[in-house]
C-alpha atoms as a PDB file:
ATOM      1  CA  MET A   1     -17.563  46.843  34.887  1.00  0.00           C
ATOM      2  CA  GLU A   2     -17.205  43.512  33.519  1.00  0.00           C
ATOM      3  CA  LEU A   3     -19.387  40.895  35.281  1.00  0.00           C
ATOM      4  CA  LYS A   4     -17.463  38.074  36.223  1.00  0.00           C
ATOM      5  CA  THR A   5     -18.492  34.739  35.123  1.00  0.00           C
ATOM      6  CA  PRO A   6     -16.458  31.218  34.638  1.00  0.00           C
ATOM      7  CA  PHE A   7     -16.589  32.353  30.637  1.00  0.00           C
ATOM      8  CA  THR A   8     -14.808  35.516  31.116  1.00  0.00           C
ATOM      9  CA  ALA A   9     -11.336  34.412  30.943  1.00  0.00           C
ATOM     10  CA  ALA A  10     -12.069  32.452  28.218  1.00  0.00           C
ATOM     11  CA  ARG A  11     -13.630  35.040  25.850  1.00  0.00           C
ATOM     12  CA  ARG A  12     -10.564  37.243  26.825  1.00  0.00           C
ATOM     13  CA  ALA A  13      -8.352  34.658  25.646  1.00  0.00           C
ATOM     14  CA  LEU A  14     -10.125  34.296  22.505  1.00  0.00           C
ATOM     15  CA  SER A  15     -10.731  37.742  21.831  1.00  0.00           C
ATOM     16  CA  SER A  16      -6.918  38.450  22.455  1.00  0.00           C
ATOM     17  CA  ALA A  17      -5.520  35.357  20.248  1.00  0.00           C
ATOM     18  CA  GLY A  18      -3.723  36.200  17.348  1.00  0.00           C
ATOM     19  CA  PRO A  19      -3.465  34.851  13.670  1.00  0.00           C
ATOM     20  CA  LEU A  20      -1.114  32.369  14.937  1.00  0.00           C
ATOM     21  CA  ALA A  21      -3.312  30.866  17.132  1.00  0.00           C
ATOM     22  CA  TRP A  22      -5.937  30.638  14.812  1.00  0.00           C
ATOM     23  CA  VAL A  23      -3.761  28.629  12.455  1.00  0.00           C
ATOM     24  CA  ASN A  24      -2.624  26.472  15.108  1.00  0.00           C
ATOM     25  CA  LEU A  25      -6.485  25.556  15.891  1.00  0.00           C
ATOM     26  CA  ALA A  26      -7.225  24.973  12.355  1.00  0.00           C
ATOM     27  CA  LEU A  27      -4.633  22.150  12.559  1.00  0.00           C
ATOM     28  CA  LEU A  28      -6.553  20.542  14.932  1.00  0.00           C
ATOM     29  CA  GLY A  29      -9.391  19.845  12.010  1.00  0.00           C
ATOM     30  CA  PHE A  30      -7.195  19.305   9.088  1.00  0.00           C
ATOM     31  CA  PHE A  31      -5.066  16.272  10.881  1.00  0.00           C
ATOM     32  CA  PRO A  32      -8.095  14.011  11.334  1.00  0.00           C
ATOM     33  CA  VAL A  33      -8.359  14.732   7.412  1.00  0.00           C
ATOM     34  CA  ALA A  34      -4.957  13.743   6.628  1.00  0.00           C
ATOM     35  CA  TRP A  35      -5.212  10.592   8.846  1.00  0.00           C
ATOM     36  CA  VAL A  36      -7.759   9.234   6.204  1.00  0.00           C
ATOM     37  CA  ALA A  37      -6.488  10.627   3.299  1.00  0.00           C
ATOM     38  CA  PRO A  38      -4.488   8.727   0.659  1.00  0.00           C
ATOM     39  CA  LEU A  39      -0.778   8.691   1.426  1.00  0.00           C
ATOM     40  CA  ALA A  40       0.191   6.581  -1.465  1.00  0.00           C
ATOM     41  CA  ARG A  41      -1.442   4.117  -3.854  1.00  0.00           C
ATOM     42  CA  ALA A  42       0.149   0.899  -4.815  1.00  0.00           C
ATOM     43  CA  GLY A  43       0.138  -1.935  -6.701  1.00  0.00           C
ATOM     44  CA  PHE A  44       1.387  -4.553  -4.090  1.00  0.00           C
ATOM     45  CA  LEU A  45       2.500  -3.697  -0.927  1.00  0.00           C
ATOM     46  CA  PRO A  46       3.669  -6.415   1.922  1.00  0.00           C
ATOM     47  CA  PHE A  47       1.661  -6.019   5.125  1.00  0.00           C
ATOM     48  CA  PHE A  48      -1.041  -3.736   3.653  1.00  0.00           C
ATOM     49  CA  GLN A  49      -4.458  -4.546   2.260  1.00  0.00           C
ATOM     50  CA  GLY A  50      -5.821  -2.580  -0.710  1.00  0.00           C
ATOM     51  CA  ASP A  51      -4.272  -0.204  -3.041  1.00  0.00           C
ATOM     52  CA  GLU A  52      -4.046   3.200  -1.033  1.00  0.00           C
ATOM     53  CA  LEU A  53      -2.120   3.442   2.211  1.00  0.00           C
ATOM     54  CA  THR A  54      -3.677   6.026   4.854  1.00  0.00           C
ATOM     55  CA  ILE A  55      -2.435   6.250   8.293  1.00  0.00           C
ATOM     56  CA  ILE A  56      -5.114   4.684  10.044  1.00  0.00           C
ATOM     57  CA  GLY A  57      -5.740   2.012   7.264  1.00  0.00           C
ATOM     58  CA  GLY A  58      -1.994   1.545   7.984  1.00  0.00           C
ATOM     59  CA  VAL A  59      -1.990   1.347  11.382  1.00  0.00           C
ATOM     60  CA  SER A  60      -5.009  -0.909  11.598  1.00  0.00           C
ATOM     61  CA  ASP A  61      -3.462  -3.388   8.806  1.00  0.00           C
ATOM     62  CA  LEU A  62      -0.118  -3.339  11.143  1.00  0.00           C
ATOM     63  CA  TRP A  63      -1.946  -4.177  13.812  1.00  0.00           C
ATOM     64  CA  ALA A  64      -2.693  -7.633  12.403  1.00  0.00           C
ATOM     65  CA  SER A  65       0.943  -8.541  11.637  1.00  0.00           C
ATOM     66  CA  ASP A  66       3.058  -6.314  14.289  1.00  0.00           C
ATOM     67  CA  PRO A  67       1.128  -4.310  16.862  1.00  0.00           C
ATOM     68  CA  ALA A  68       4.117  -3.030  17.886  1.00  0.00           C
ATOM     69  CA  LEU A  69       4.871  -1.314  14.876  1.00  0.00           C
ATOM     70  CA  ALA A  70       1.613  -0.348  14.881  1.00  0.00           C
ATOM     71  CA  LEU A  71       1.775   1.573  17.996  1.00  0.00           C
ATOM     72  CA  LEU A  72       4.725   3.240  17.138  1.00  0.00           C
ATOM     73  CA  ILE A  73       3.304   4.588  13.807  1.00  0.00           C
ATOM     74  CA  ALA A  74       0.115   5.604  15.679  1.00  0.00           C
ATOM     75  CA  PHE A  75       2.204   7.400  18.244  1.00  0.00           C
ATOM     76  CA  PHE A  76       4.065   9.461  15.780  1.00  0.00           C
ATOM     77  CA  ALA A  77       1.314  10.012  13.178  1.00  0.00           C
ATOM     78  CA  LEU A  78      -1.453  10.605  15.718  1.00  0.00           C
ATOM     79  CA  PHE A  79      -0.478  11.412  19.058  1.00  0.00           C
ATOM     80  CA  ALA A  80       2.641  13.649  18.828  1.00  0.00           C
ATOM     81  CA  PRO A  81       1.520  16.006  16.027  1.00  0.00           C
ATOM     82  CA  TYR A  82      -2.299  16.499  17.850  1.00  0.00           C
ATOM     83  CA  ALA A  83      -0.405  16.596  21.235  1.00  0.00           C
ATOM     84  CA  LYS A  84       1.836  19.374  19.989  1.00  0.00           C
ATOM     85  CA  THR A  85      -0.750  21.064  18.574  1.00  0.00           C
ATOM     86  CA  LEU A  86      -2.995  21.209  21.658  1.00  0.00           C
ATOM     87  CA  LEU A  87       0.292  22.360  23.938  1.00  0.00           C
ATOM     88  CA  LEU A  88       0.980  25.379  21.738  1.00  0.00           C
ATOM     89  CA  ALA A  89      -3.035  25.953  21.878  1.00  0.00           C
ATOM     90  CA  GLY A  90      -2.297  25.839  25.591  1.00  0.00           C
ATOM     91  CA  ILE A  91       0.263  28.388  25.481  1.00  0.00           C
ATOM     92  CA  HIS A  92      -1.288  30.882  22.667  1.00  0.00           C
ATOM     93  CA  PHE A  93      -4.458  30.931  25.112  1.00  0.00           C
ATOM     94  CA  ASP A  94      -2.636  31.412  28.274  1.00  0.00           C
ATOM     95  CA  LEU A  95      -3.734  28.442  29.715  1.00  0.00           C
ATOM     96  CA  LEU A  96      -0.001  26.986  29.753  1.00  0.00           C
ATOM     97  CA  GLN A  97       2.991  28.370  30.449  1.00  0.00           C
ATOM     98  CA  ALA A  98       5.670  28.379  27.867  1.00  0.00           C
ATOM     99  CA  ARG A  99       8.862  27.732  30.040  1.00  0.00           C
ATOM    100  CA  ARG A 100       7.279  24.951  31.910  1.00  0.00           C
ATOM    101  CA  TRP A 101       6.079  23.022  28.852  1.00  0.00           C
ATOM    102  CA  SER A 102       9.089  23.766  26.491  1.00  0.00           C
ATOM    103  CA  GLY A 103      10.653  20.345  27.442  1.00  0.00           C
ATOM    104  CA  SER A 104       7.714  18.442  26.211  1.00  0.00           C
ATOM    105  CA  LEU A 105       6.830  20.531  23.043  1.00  0.00           C
ATOM    106  CA  THR A 106      10.667  19.945  21.890  1.00  0.00           C
ATOM    107  CA  LEU A 107      10.210  16.287  22.252  1.00  0.00           C
ATOM    108  CA  ILE A 108       6.617  16.041  20.655  1.00  0.00           C
ATOM    109  CA  GLY A 109       7.792  18.386  18.195  1.00  0.00           C
ATOM    110  CA  LYS A 110      10.605  16.189  16.887  1.00  0.00           C
ATOM    111  CA  LEU A 111       8.696  12.956  16.802  1.00  0.00           C
ATOM    112  CA  SER A 112       6.187  14.352  14.993  1.00  0.00           C
ATOM    113  CA  MET A 113       8.245  14.624  11.837  1.00  0.00           C
ATOM    114  CA  ALA A 114       9.481  10.963  12.375  1.00  0.00           C
ATOM    115  CA  ASP A 115       6.487   9.127  10.402  1.00  0.00           C
ATOM    116  CA  ILE A 116       6.945  11.304   7.293  1.00  0.00           C
ATOM    117  CA  PHE A 117      10.426   9.940   7.056  1.00  0.00           C
ATOM    118  CA  LEU A 118       9.272   6.119   8.021  1.00  0.00           C
ATOM    119  CA  LEU A 119       6.964   6.526   5.030  1.00  0.00           C
ATOM    120  CA  ALA A 120       9.299   8.098   2.946  1.00  0.00           C
ATOM    121  CA  LEU A 121      11.621   5.195   3.553  1.00  0.00           C
ATOM    122  CA  TYR A 122       9.080   2.509   3.136  1.00  0.00           C
ATOM    123  CA  ILE A 123       8.291   3.922  -0.413  1.00  0.00           C
ATOM    124  CA  VAL A 124      11.903   4.054  -1.440  1.00  0.00           C
ATOM    125  CA  LEU A 125      12.414   0.429  -0.059  1.00  0.00           C
ATOM    126  CA  VAL A 126       9.425  -0.436  -2.347  1.00  0.00           C
ATOM    127  CA  LYS A 127      10.608   1.336  -5.071  1.00  0.00           C
ATOM    128  CA  GLY A 128      13.818   0.290  -4.974  1.00  0.00           C
ATOM    129  CA  VAL A 129      13.095  -3.448  -4.384  1.00  0.00           C
ATOM    130  CA  GLY A 130      11.311  -3.588  -7.040  1.00  0.00           C
ATOM    131  CA  VAL A 131       8.494  -5.642  -5.363  1.00  0.00           C
ATOM    132  CA  GLY A 132       5.708  -3.299  -6.237  1.00  0.00           C
ATOM    133  CA  HIS A 133       4.982  -0.116  -7.552  1.00  0.00           C
ATOM    134  CA  VAL A 134       3.987   3.144  -5.335  1.00  0.00           C
ATOM    135  CA  GLU A 135       3.113   6.380  -5.973  1.00  0.00           C
ATOM    136  CA  THR A 136       2.548   9.448  -3.751  1.00  0.00           C
ATOM    137  CA  ALA A 137      -1.031  10.751  -3.130  1.00  0.00           C
ATOM    138  CA  TRP A 138      -2.474  14.217  -2.043  1.00  0.00           C
ATOM    139  CA  GLY A 139      -2.850  12.750   1.503  1.00  0.00           C
ATOM    140  CA  LEU A 140       0.807  12.598   1.810  1.00  0.00           C
ATOM    141  CA  TRP A 141       1.394  16.237   0.678  1.00  0.00           C
ATOM    142  CA  LEU A 142      -1.457  17.084   3.267  1.00  0.00           C
ATOM    143  CA  PHE A 143      -0.129  15.394   6.022  1.00  0.00           C
ATOM    144  CA  THR A 144       3.513  16.801   5.571  1.00  0.00           C
ATOM    145  CA  ALA A 145       2.128  20.460   5.041  1.00  0.00           C
ATOM    146  CA  LEU A 146       0.451  20.183   8.245  1.00  0.00           C
ATOM    147  CA  VAL A 147       3.491  18.939   9.871  1.00  0.00           C
ATOM    148  CA  LEU A 148       5.786  21.387   8.534  1.00  0.00           C
ATOM    149  CA  THR A 149       3.031  24.080   9.284  1.00  0.00           C
ATOM    150  CA  SER A 150       2.965  22.932  12.929  1.00  0.00           C
ATOM    151  CA  PHE A 151       6.527  23.107  12.960  1.00  0.00           C
ATOM    152  CA  ALA A 152       6.474  26.826  11.765  1.00  0.00           C
ATOM    153  CA  VAL A 153       3.540  27.791  13.989  1.00  0.00           C
ATOM    154  CA  ALA A 154       5.759  26.542  16.958  1.00  0.00           C
ATOM    155  CA  LEU A 155       8.780  28.555  15.533  1.00  0.00           C
ATOM    156  CA  LEU A 156       6.926  31.659  15.399  1.00  0.00           C
ATOM    157  CA  THR A 157       5.651  31.257  18.839  1.00  0.00           C
ATOM    158  CA  ASP A 158       9.104  30.402  20.187  1.00  0.00           C
ATOM    159  CA  ARG A 159      10.430  33.784  18.905  1.00  0.00           C
ATOM    160  CA  ARG A 160       7.178  35.549  19.750  1.00  0.00           C
ATOM    161  CA  ALA A 161       7.862  34.193  23.601  1.00  0.00           C
ATOM    162  CA  GLY A 162      11.419  35.003  23.506  1.00  0.00           C
ATOM    163  CA  LYS A 163      11.831  31.080  24.570  1.00  0.00           C
ATOM    164  CA  ARG A 164      13.385  28.147  23.064  1.00  0.00           C
ATOM    165  CA  LEU A 165      10.187  25.623  22.361  1.00  0.00           C
ATOM    166  CA  THR A 166      10.801  23.800  19.459  1.00  0.00           C
ATOM    167  CA  ILE A 167      14.406  23.265  18.845  1.00  0.00           C
END
């Protein structure tokens, strides 16, 4: 007979979690690394200080010139991917009902990809205008891989649950 403690349910949830849940939890540790990793190196970029662009640095630099845009980028790059990962963890560990949270997960999943598009658009604009030079750095690849991994985890969770969570 198992002794009932407050940790019994948590221990049971952790022991029954599949590899998908653990990949998702790993994202919680890797996202902050991607936020401070160099996304691009630039010779000259208007609005940004220094020669390396990071998500945290970009939000900080934008705050001085355009707080609304800084908040928007922070939402897309920081809050949306992390919130999606936390919601998926709640579903994986049976703390949240997939059906109840599917609408929020769908919306947040779509928003968490928007920042990659915005950054790519900015790089294309800078290269096309000839204002400076920009080369992508490893942080952009890391962040893109994390967002795509998060998308794959949500899609596989969706299939496993037989519910429509991400599309």
